[in-house]
Protein backbone atom coordinates (compact mmCIF):
# COMPACT_ATOMS: atom_id res chain seq x y z
CA MET A 1 0.03 0.04 -0.01
CA LYS A 2 1.47 3.34 -1.10
CA LYS A 3 1.18 6.37 1.21
CA ARG A 4 -0.01 9.60 -0.29
CA ALA A 5 2.64 12.18 -0.55
CA ALA A 6 0.21 15.16 -0.35
CA LYS A 7 -0.88 16.31 3.10
CA LYS A 8 -4.43 15.46 3.91
CA ARG A 9 -6.92 18.37 4.33
CA ALA A 10 -8.63 18.59 7.59
CA LEU A 11 -12.35 17.67 7.33
CA GLY A 12 -13.17 20.94 9.02
CA ASP A 13 -11.43 22.89 6.27
CA MET A 14 -13.24 21.03 3.50
CA LEU A 15 -16.57 21.49 5.25
CA ASP A 16 -15.95 25.25 5.64
CA GLU A 17 -15.26 25.45 1.95
CA LEU A 18 -18.28 23.36 0.87
CA LEU A 19 -20.71 25.24 3.14
CA THR A 20 -19.81 28.57 1.46
CA LEU A 21 -20.84 27.27 -2.00
CA ASP A 22 -24.15 28.42 -3.42
CA ALA A 23 -26.99 26.14 -2.45
CA PRO A 24 -27.87 23.71 -5.22
CA PRO A 25 -30.71 24.91 -7.54
CA GLY A 26 -34.02 23.53 -6.55
CA VAL A 27 -33.05 22.86 -2.88
CA LYS A 28 -36.23 22.79 -0.84
CA LEU A 29 -36.20 25.17 2.08
CA GLY A 30 -39.81 24.30 3.13
CA LEU A 31 -41.86 26.97 4.68
CA LEU A 32 -38.96 29.45 4.47
CA GLU A 33 -38.07 29.04 0.87
CA ASP A 34 -39.71 32.31 -0.33
CA SER A 35 -38.22 34.33 2.52
CA ALA A 36 -34.77 32.94 1.94
CA ARG A 37 -34.98 33.68 -1.82
CA GLU A 38 -36.17 37.24 -1.12
CA LEU A 39 -33.36 37.77 1.37
CA ALA A 40 -30.80 36.47 -1.13
CA GLU A 41 -32.11 38.87 -3.82
CA ARG A 42 -31.91 41.84 -1.46
CA ARG A 43 -28.33 41.29 -0.46
CA GLY A 44 -27.32 40.41 -3.97
CA ARG A 45 -25.96 36.88 -3.51
CA PRO A 46 -27.61 33.55 -3.45
CA VAL A 47 -28.26 31.36 -0.37
CA ASP A 48 -25.20 29.32 0.40
CA ALA A 49 -25.16 25.67 1.49
CA TYR A 50 -24.61 26.65 5.19
CA GLU A 51 -27.71 28.85 5.08
CA ALA A 52 -29.62 26.26 3.20
CA VAL A 53 -28.89 23.58 5.89
CA PHE A 54 -30.02 25.89 8.68
CA LEU A 55 -33.09 27.04 6.84
CA THR A 56 -34.13 23.53 6.08
CA GLN A 57 -33.79 22.54 9.70
CA MET A 58 -35.72 25.66 10.77
CA ALA A 59 -38.49 24.83 8.36
CA LYS A 60 -38.65 21.28 9.74
CA ALA A 61 -38.75 22.73 13.18
CA LEU A 62 -41.58 24.98 12.42
CA ALA A 63 -43.47 21.88 10.95
CA GLY A 64 -43.14 20.14 14.28
CA ASP A 65 -39.88 18.11 13.95
CA THR A 66 -38.46 18.23 17.47
CA SER A 67 -34.95 17.04 16.58
CA ALA A 68 -34.82 19.89 14.06
CA ALA A 69 -36.14 22.27 16.75
CA ALA A 70 -33.28 21.06 19.08
CA PHE A 71 -30.80 21.63 16.33
CA VAL A 72 -32.10 25.32 15.82
CA ARG A 73 -32.16 25.85 19.55
CA ASP A 74 -28.64 24.51 19.98
CA SER A 75 -27.29 26.51 17.08
CA ALA A 76 -28.76 29.70 18.57
CA GLY A 77 -26.78 29.14 21.74
CA ASP A 78 -29.75 28.08 23.89
CA LYS A 79 -28.63 24.45 24.49
CA PRO A 80 -29.67 23.62 27.97
CA GLY A 81 -26.62 23.68 30.34
CA ALA A 82 -24.57 25.62 27.76
CA ARG A 83 -24.58 28.83 29.72
CA GLY A 84 -24.44 27.23 33.22
CA ASP A 85 -28.23 27.55 33.59
CA ALA A 86 -29.70 26.29 36.81
CA ALA A 87 -31.66 23.82 34.69
CA ALA A 88 -28.39 22.01 33.95
CA SER A 89 -28.20 20.70 37.52
CA PRO A 90 -31.55 19.86 39.00
CA ALA A 91 -32.15 21.16 42.47
CA LEU A 92 -32.48 18.78 45.39
CA SER A 93 -35.99 18.30 46.69
CA GLU A 94 -36.79 18.44 50.36
CA ASN A 95 -37.12 14.68 50.29
CA ASP A 96 -33.65 14.38 48.86
CA ARG A 97 -32.24 16.61 51.50
CA ALA A 98 -33.96 14.61 54.33
CA LEU A 99 -32.51 11.38 52.92
CA LEU A 100 -29.05 12.96 52.87
CA ARG A 101 -29.41 14.09 56.51
CA LYS A 102 -30.50 10.65 57.56
CA LEU A 103 -27.55 9.02 55.71
CA ASP A 104 -25.15 11.51 57.22
CA ALA A 105 -26.58 10.87 60.69
CA LEU A 106 -26.04 7.15 60.20
CA GLY A 107 -22.40 7.77 59.06
CA ARG A 108 -23.07 6.35 55.61
CA LEU A 109 -22.06 9.42 53.72
CA GLU A 110 -18.68 9.73 55.44
CA SER A 111 -17.75 5.97 54.83
CA ARG A 112 -18.66 6.28 51.11
CA ARG A 113 -16.44 9.39 50.73
CA ARG A 114 -13.50 7.65 52.41
CA ARG A 115 -13.99 4.50 50.03
CA ARG A 116 -14.04 6.78 47.01
CA GLY A 117 -10.99 8.60 48.20
CA ASP A 118 -12.75 12.00 48.35
CA GLY A 119 -11.43 12.70 51.87
CA ALA A 120 -14.03 15.22 52.57
């Protein structure tokens, strides 16, 4: 087997290049197709592949596709836990706290910490 002499391009570099190409003619953008085409005309350049991917996912989300909605949400920076939201770590209920107090009183919490090597 012969090794390639040329250096391989990183996939990210290739993807960046491909995503900036014009979207293929006839690409279906669903509910947002007319809006996307109008925006492209106003700015004087066609919709690129990157925009087409996002607009397609956005149209699917608007039609009720929950995985597409999660993609749009995450892309917008609203991924749960991404900003250190309180929702990222659920709060302990009063029942949880009561159980922890009971375990601590029985010495169970301390012995588990020592076995794990926490030392606390």
